[in-house]
Amino acid sequence: MPVESSDVTALSNRILEKLEEDKSQEDSRVVVLIYGAPGSGKSTSAELLTKDLNARFGRKNCGNRQRVSVPSQPSVIHQGKGKAQTQICQYNEESDIGSENEEIPFAIHLKMDGFHLPLSVLDEELKRRRGCQESFDDSLVVKLVELLLNDDTWSSLSIPDFDHATKDPVNPGIYVSRKTKVVVFEGLYLMLGIDPWSQIPKLVKETIENKSRSKNTVQVAHVRGGNETETAHRIALRHLQSGLVVSYDEGRNRYFNNDLANAEIVENQSVTTFDDIIINNSIRLAIP
């Protein structure tokens, strides 16, 4: 049975315990998959978790602070339907790394938003329904989870980010080093039981069952928000602030005409078997 919590503290504690158990594995990492309906508080929970882990790292003997350089030429390029805008670049050797240094975080927060298919490849129907599962570069999301859980040949990865000004993915967006101990990846459809998304729960299952052969660990967090009225309010404000709509009422209409259907798919067709923790944001996100 998953643990239920109103914040990320329990999940943060579990992650540090997993790292303590695996501390003999030099390059082991914990991959945290956070999923939930639109407006449930996934991004906020992921941000709080990442911030908490990085803050607590100084008090935990889990890895060392490292420095990484910005990669130059990739060893492998993984492309999907979004071509170069959503591609994943894989760097296998230290020789692939350039000269500009930045500190490697203990924990990093990755968003599925960067895997939105570019507007240029969407038909009018998918532009209208953007945010639905079909409007993402789904096979590349699966590939990223596979790389994080099962592939230890890479030294760093670059993945796309999302530019809210252009409303399109940009690449390269975010760099991930194999020296990062915790990768927090959040998105609507990460545990969806519909192909090709359903390959992710299968990867989770394999990682759990083959723990003796895998040095990486996975944690799954299911985030739940408030009631429909509260969720509609939050998403309407988000759409307005991001420039997706020009008025609050238009944002609410978009929620009921688009986001609500996506929420029903997430809640009704996600694989919940592997949930380690349920984060209940209903109190924190309640309208004052």
Protein backbone atom coordinates (compact mmCIF):
# COMPACT_ATOMS: atom_id res chain seq x y z
CA MET A 1 0.00 0.00 0.00
CA PRO A 2 1.35 3.45 -0.86
CA VAL A 3 2.05 5.95 1.90
CA GLU A 4 -0.20 9.04 1.83
CA SER A 5 1.25 12.44 2.69
CA SER A 6 0.26 16.09 2.46
CA ASP A 7 3.77 17.19 1.50
CA VAL A 8 7.03 15.87 0.01
CA THR A 9 8.82 15.17 3.32
CA ALA A 10 7.98 11.46 3.41
CA LEU A 11 9.12 11.03 -0.19
CA SER A 12 12.33 12.94 0.48
CA ASN A 13 13.07 10.68 3.45
CA ARG A 14 12.42 7.54 1.38
CA ILE A 15 14.79 8.72 -1.33
CA LEU A 16 17.63 9.39 1.09
CA GLU A 17 17.05 5.99 2.68
CA LYS A 18 17.31 4.33 -0.75
CA LEU A 19 20.58 6.15 -1.44
CA GLU A 20 21.93 5.05 1.94
CA GLU A 21 21.07 1.44 1.08
CA ASP A 22 22.84 1.73 -2.28
CA LYS A 23 25.81 3.84 -1.21
CA SER A 24 28.27 1.10 -2.23
CA GLN A 25 27.18 1.67 -5.85
CA GLU A 26 29.21 4.67 -6.99
CA ASP A 27 27.00 5.80 -9.89
CA SER A 28 23.65 4.63 -8.55
CA ARG A 29 20.74 7.04 -8.79
CA VAL A 30 17.15 7.27 -7.65
CA VAL A 31 14.68 8.09 -10.42
CA VAL A 32 11.48 9.65 -9.08
CA LEU A 33 8.47 9.59 -11.41
CA ILE A 34 5.77 12.06 -10.38
CA TYR A 35 2.43 11.91 -12.18
CA GLY A 36 -1.07 13.23 -11.71
CA ALA A 37 -3.89 15.15 -13.35
CA PRO A 38 -3.53 18.72 -14.68
CA GLY A 39 -3.52 21.22 -11.82
CA SER A 40 -2.86 18.60 -9.14
CA GLY A 41 0.40 20.24 -8.08
CA LYS A 42 2.93 17.95 -9.79
CA SER A 43 5.35 20.71 -10.73
CA THR A 44 5.14 22.37 -7.32
CA SER A 45 5.69 19.04 -5.56
CA ALA A 46 8.65 18.24 -7.83
CA GLU A 47 10.19 21.66 -7.22
CA LEU A 48 9.75 21.40 -3.45
CA LEU A 49 11.18 17.87 -3.42
CA THR A 50 14.22 18.85 -5.48
CA LYS A 51 14.85 21.93 -3.36
CA ASP A 52 14.52 19.92 -0.14
CA LEU A 53 16.91 17.20 -1.33
CA ASN A 54 19.53 19.70 -2.45
CA ALA A 55 19.22 21.57 0.86
CA ARG A 56 19.47 18.38 2.92
CA PHE A 57 22.37 17.02 0.91
CA GLY A 58 24.88 18.83 3.07
CA ARG A 59 23.63 16.84 6.07
CA LYS A 60 23.61 13.47 4.30
CA ASN A 61 26.61 11.43 3.18
CA CYS A 62 25.15 10.58 -0.22
CA GLY A 63 27.62 11.27 -3.00
CA ASN A 64 29.95 14.21 -3.52
CA ARG A 65 29.54 17.63 -5.04
CA GLN A 66 30.92 17.40 -8.57
CA ARG A 67 31.32 19.78 -11.47
CA VAL A 68 30.22 19.12 -15.04
CA SER A 69 31.03 20.86 -18.30
CA VAL A 70 28.55 21.80 -20.99
CA PRO A 71 28.60 18.98 -23.58
CA SER A 72 29.84 19.60 -27.12
CA GLN A 73 29.12 16.87 -29.71
CA PRO A 74 26.80 14.01 -28.70
CA SER A 75 27.68 10.33 -29.07
CA VAL A 76 24.08 9.34 -29.85
CA ILE A 77 21.04 11.38 -30.88
CA HIS A 78 17.60 9.97 -30.11
CA GLN A 79 14.95 11.55 -32.34
CA GLY A 80 11.20 11.16 -32.37
CA LYS A 81 8.27 12.82 -34.11
CA GLY A 82 9.44 16.28 -33.06
CA LYS A 83 12.83 15.83 -34.79
CA ALA A 84 15.57 18.17 -33.52
CA GLN A 85 13.25 20.21 -31.28
CA THR A 86 12.48 17.30 -28.97
CA GLN A 87 15.54 15.10 -29.45
CA ILE A 88 17.60 13.63 -26.62
CA CYS A 89 21.37 13.94 -26.98
CA GLN A 90 23.47 11.30 -25.27
CA TYR A 91 27.12 11.88 -24.36
CA ASN A 92 28.98 8.69 -23.51
CA GLU A 93 32.55 9.77 -22.92
CA GLU A 94 34.17 12.47 -20.85
CA SER A 95 35.94 13.52 -24.05
CA ASP A 96 32.55 14.64 -25.36
CA ILE A 97 32.44 17.28 -22.66
CA GLY A 98 33.39 20.88 -23.32
CA SER A 99 35.13 23.40 -21.10
CA GLU A 100 32.41 25.52 -19.44
CA ASN A 101 31.88 24.29 -15.89
CA GLU A 102 28.81 24.38 -13.70
CA GLU A 103 28.06 22.60 -10.48
CA ILE A 104 26.25 19.30 -10.74
CA PRO A 105 23.16 19.29 -8.50
CA PHE A 106 22.51 16.46 -6.06
CA ALA A 107 18.90 16.37 -7.32
CA ILE A 108 17.47 17.70 -10.58
CA HIS A 109 13.90 18.40 -11.68
CA LEU A 110 12.92 17.43 -15.23
CA LYS A 111 9.57 18.29 -16.81
CA MET A 112 7.70 16.42 -19.53
CA ASP A 113 6.71 19.83 -20.98
CA GLY A 114 9.82 19.87 -23.18
CA PHE A 115 8.45 16.87 -25.05
CA HIS A 116 5.41 18.75 -26.37
CA LEU A 117 5.40 18.17 -30.12
CA PRO A 118 6.26 21.41 -31.99
CA LEU A 119 3.32 23.38 -33.34
CA SER A 120 4.73 22.87 -36.84
CA VAL A 121 3.97 19.13 -36.76
CA LEU A 122 0.51 19.34 -35.15
CA ASP A 123 -2.71 19.39 -37.14
CA GLU A 124 -5.45 21.84 -36.17
CA GLU A 125 -7.25 19.31 -33.98
CA LEU A 126 -4.11 18.54 -31.93
CA LYS A 127 -3.29 22.24 -31.67
CA ARG A 128 -6.72 22.76 -30.13
CA ARG A 129 -6.26 19.77 -27.82
CA ARG A 130 -2.60 20.44 -27.03
CA GLY A 131 -1.76 18.83 -23.73
CA CYS A 132 -3.52 15.58 -24.61
CA GLN A 133 -1.37 12.45 -24.68
CA GLU A 134 -1.21 12.42 -28.49
CA SER A 135 0.37 15.90 -28.58
CA PHE A 136 3.58 14.73 -26.88
CA ASP A 137 6.63 13.00 -28.34
CA ASP A 138 5.63 9.94 -26.35
CA SER A 139 8.30 7.53 -27.61
CA LEU A 140 11.04 9.94 -26.52
CA VAL A 141 9.56 10.27 -23.03
CA VAL A 142 9.72 6.48 -22.80
CA LYS A 143 13.30 6.58 -24.10
CA LEU A 144 14.33 9.09 -21.44
CA VAL A 145 12.95 6.89 -18.64
CA GLU A 146 14.77 3.91 -20.15
CA LEU A 147 18.04 5.87 -20.25
CA LEU A 148 17.61 7.00 -16.65
CA LEU A 149 16.74 3.56 -15.29
CA ASN A 150 18.60 1.05 -17.44
CA ASP A 151 21.40 2.66 -19.42
CA ASP A 152 24.68 3.39 -17.66
CA THR A 153 26.75 4.09 -20.79
CA TRP A 154 26.07 7.83 -20.82
CA SER A 155 28.03 10.46 -18.93
CA SER A 156 25.43 13.18 -19.56
CA LEU A 157 22.17 13.79 -21.41
CA SER A 158 20.54 16.87 -22.86
CA ILE A 159 16.77 17.00 -23.11
CA PRO A 160 14.38 19.63 -24.47
CA ASP A 161 12.79 22.35 -22.36
CA PHE A 162 9.62 24.33 -23.11
CA ASP A 163 9.64 28.01 -24.06
CA HIS A 164 6.34 29.56 -22.97
CA ALA A 165 7.05 32.68 -25.05
CA THR A 166 7.15 30.73 -28.33
CA LYS A 167 4.88 27.95 -26.99
CA ASP A 168 7.31 25.39 -28.36
CA PRO A 169 10.10 23.08 -27.15
CA VAL A 170 13.70 24.31 -27.31
CA ASN A 171 16.79 22.16 -27.58
CA PRO A 172 19.20 21.76 -25.93
CA GLY A 173 17.27 22.70 -22.83
CA ILE A 174 18.45 20.85 -19.72
CA TYR A 175 21.61 18.84 -19.08
CA VAL A 176 21.65 15.82 -16.77
CA SER A 177 24.88 14.34 -15.42
CA ARG A 178 25.19 10.71 -14.38
CA LYS A 179 26.77 12.07 -11.18
CA THR A 180 23.41 13.55 -10.16
CA LYS A 181 22.05 11.22 -7.51
CA VAL A 182 18.32 11.96 -7.78
CA VAL A 183 16.41 12.66 -11.00
CA VAL A 184 12.87 13.92 -10.40
CA PHE A 185 10.83 13.57 -13.60
CA GLU A 186 7.24 14.81 -13.59
CA GLY A 187 4.48 14.67 -16.16
CA LEU A 188 0.84 13.85 -16.74
CA TYR A 189 1.19 10.56 -18.55
CA LEU A 190 4.28 8.96 -17.02
CA MET A 191 2.33 5.97 -15.67
CA LEU A 192 -0.37 5.80 -18.34
CA GLY A 193 -1.48 2.30 -19.32
CA ILE A 194 -1.88 3.22 -23.01
CA ASP A 195 0.80 2.42 -25.60
CA PRO A 196 3.51 3.58 -25.94
CA TRP A 197 3.29 5.19 -22.47
CA SER A 198 2.57 1.77 -20.96
CA GLN A 199 6.21 0.85 -21.56
CA ILE A 200 7.13 3.13 -18.62
CA PRO A 201 5.24 1.10 -15.98
CA LYS A 202 6.88 -1.99 -17.51
CA LEU A 203 10.31 -0.39 -17.06
CA VAL A 204 9.39 0.43 -13.45
CA LYS A 205 8.34 -3.18 -12.87
CA GLU A 206 11.58 -4.52 -14.36
CA THR A 207 13.67 -2.17 -12.22
CA ILE A 208 11.89 -3.26 -9.03
CA GLU A 209 12.04 -6.98 -9.86
CA ASN A 210 15.68 -6.91 -11.02
CA LYS A 211 17.03 -4.84 -8.15
CA SER A 212 19.87 -7.31 -7.61
CA ARG A 213 21.12 -6.59 -11.14
CA SER A 214 20.31 -2.88 -11.30
CA LYS A 215 22.14 -0.23 -9.34
CA ASN A 216 19.38 2.33 -9.93
CA THR A 217 16.20 2.66 -7.88
CA VAL A 218 12.78 4.01 -8.82
CA GLN A 219 10.15 5.76 -6.71
CA VAL A 220 6.66 6.56 -8.04
CA ALA A 221 4.62 9.42 -6.59
CA HIS A 222 0.96 9.97 -7.51
CA VAL A 223 -0.08 13.58 -6.90
CA ARG A 224 -3.71 14.47 -6.26
CA GLY A 225 -5.11 17.98 -6.07
CA GLY A 226 -8.33 19.53 -4.89
CA ASN A 227 -11.85 19.38 -6.23
CA GLU A 228 -12.90 20.35 -9.74
CA THR A 229 -13.70 23.98 -8.84
CA GLU A 230 -10.28 24.53 -7.24
CA THR A 231 -8.47 22.81 -10.11
CA ALA A 232 -10.34 24.84 -12.74
CA HIS A 233 -9.38 28.04 -10.89
CA ARG A 234 -5.69 27.14 -10.70
CA ILE A 235 -5.46 26.05 -14.32
CA ALA A 236 -7.35 29.11 -15.57
CA LEU A 237 -4.84 31.33 -13.77
CA ARG A 238 -1.92 29.29 -15.13
CA HIS A 239 -3.21 29.54 -18.71
CA LEU A 240 -3.68 33.29 -18.30
CA GLN A 241 -0.22 33.86 -16.80
CA SER A 242 1.49 31.81 -19.51
CA GLY A 243 -0.25 33.74 -22.30
CA LEU A 244 -2.13 30.71 -23.56
CA VAL A 245 -5.43 32.58 -23.13
CA VAL A 246 -6.34 36.27 -22.94
CA SER A 247 -8.85 36.11 -20.07
CA TYR A 248 -9.59 34.15 -16.92
CA ASP A 249 -12.94 32.98 -18.33
CA GLU A 250 -11.23 31.68 -21.46
CA GLY A 251 -8.82 29.79 -19.20
CA ARG A 252 -11.71 28.16 -17.34
CA ASN A 253 -13.35 27.22 -20.61
CA ARG A 254 -10.11 25.63 -21.79
CA TYR A 255 -9.97 23.60 -18.59
CA PHE A 256 -13.49 22.20 -19.02
CA ASN A 257 -13.10 21.66 -22.78
CA ASN A 258 -9.59 20.20 -22.77
CA ASP A 259 -7.79 19.71 -19.45
CA LEU A 260 -10.65 17.94 -17.72
CA ALA A 261 -10.66 15.18 -20.36
CA ASN A 262 -6.91 14.77 -19.86
CA ALA A 263 -7.42 14.58 -16.09
CA GLU A 264 -9.98 11.80 -16.50
CA ILE A 265 -7.56 9.81 -18.66
CA VAL A 266 -4.76 10.20 -16.12
CA GLU A 267 -6.90 9.22 -13.14
CA ASN A 268 -8.77 6.38 -14.86
CA GLN A 269 -6.08 4.84 -17.08
CA SER A 270 -2.81 5.22 -15.18
CA VAL A 271 -1.11 2.17 -13.70
CA THR A 272 -1.26 2.69 -9.93
CA THR A 273 0.25 -0.68 -8.97
CA PHE A 274 3.70 0.79 -8.40
CA ASP A 275 2.70 3.92 -6.46
CA ASP A 276 5.07 4.31 -3.51
CA ILE A 277 3.48 7.47 -2.18
CA ILE A 278 0.37 9.55 -2.76
CA ILE A 279 0.88 13.28 -2.27
CA ASN A 280 -2.44 14.87 -1.40
CA ASN A 281 -2.30 18.56 -2.28
CA SER A 282 -5.99 19.24 -1.72
CA ILE A 283 -5.44 21.22 1.50
CA ARG A 284 -2.35 23.11 0.34
CA LEU A 285 -3.95 24.05 -2.98
CA ALA A 286 -7.40 24.93 -1.64
CA ILE A 287 -8.75 28.32 -2.66
CA PRO A 288 -8.40 30.68 0.35
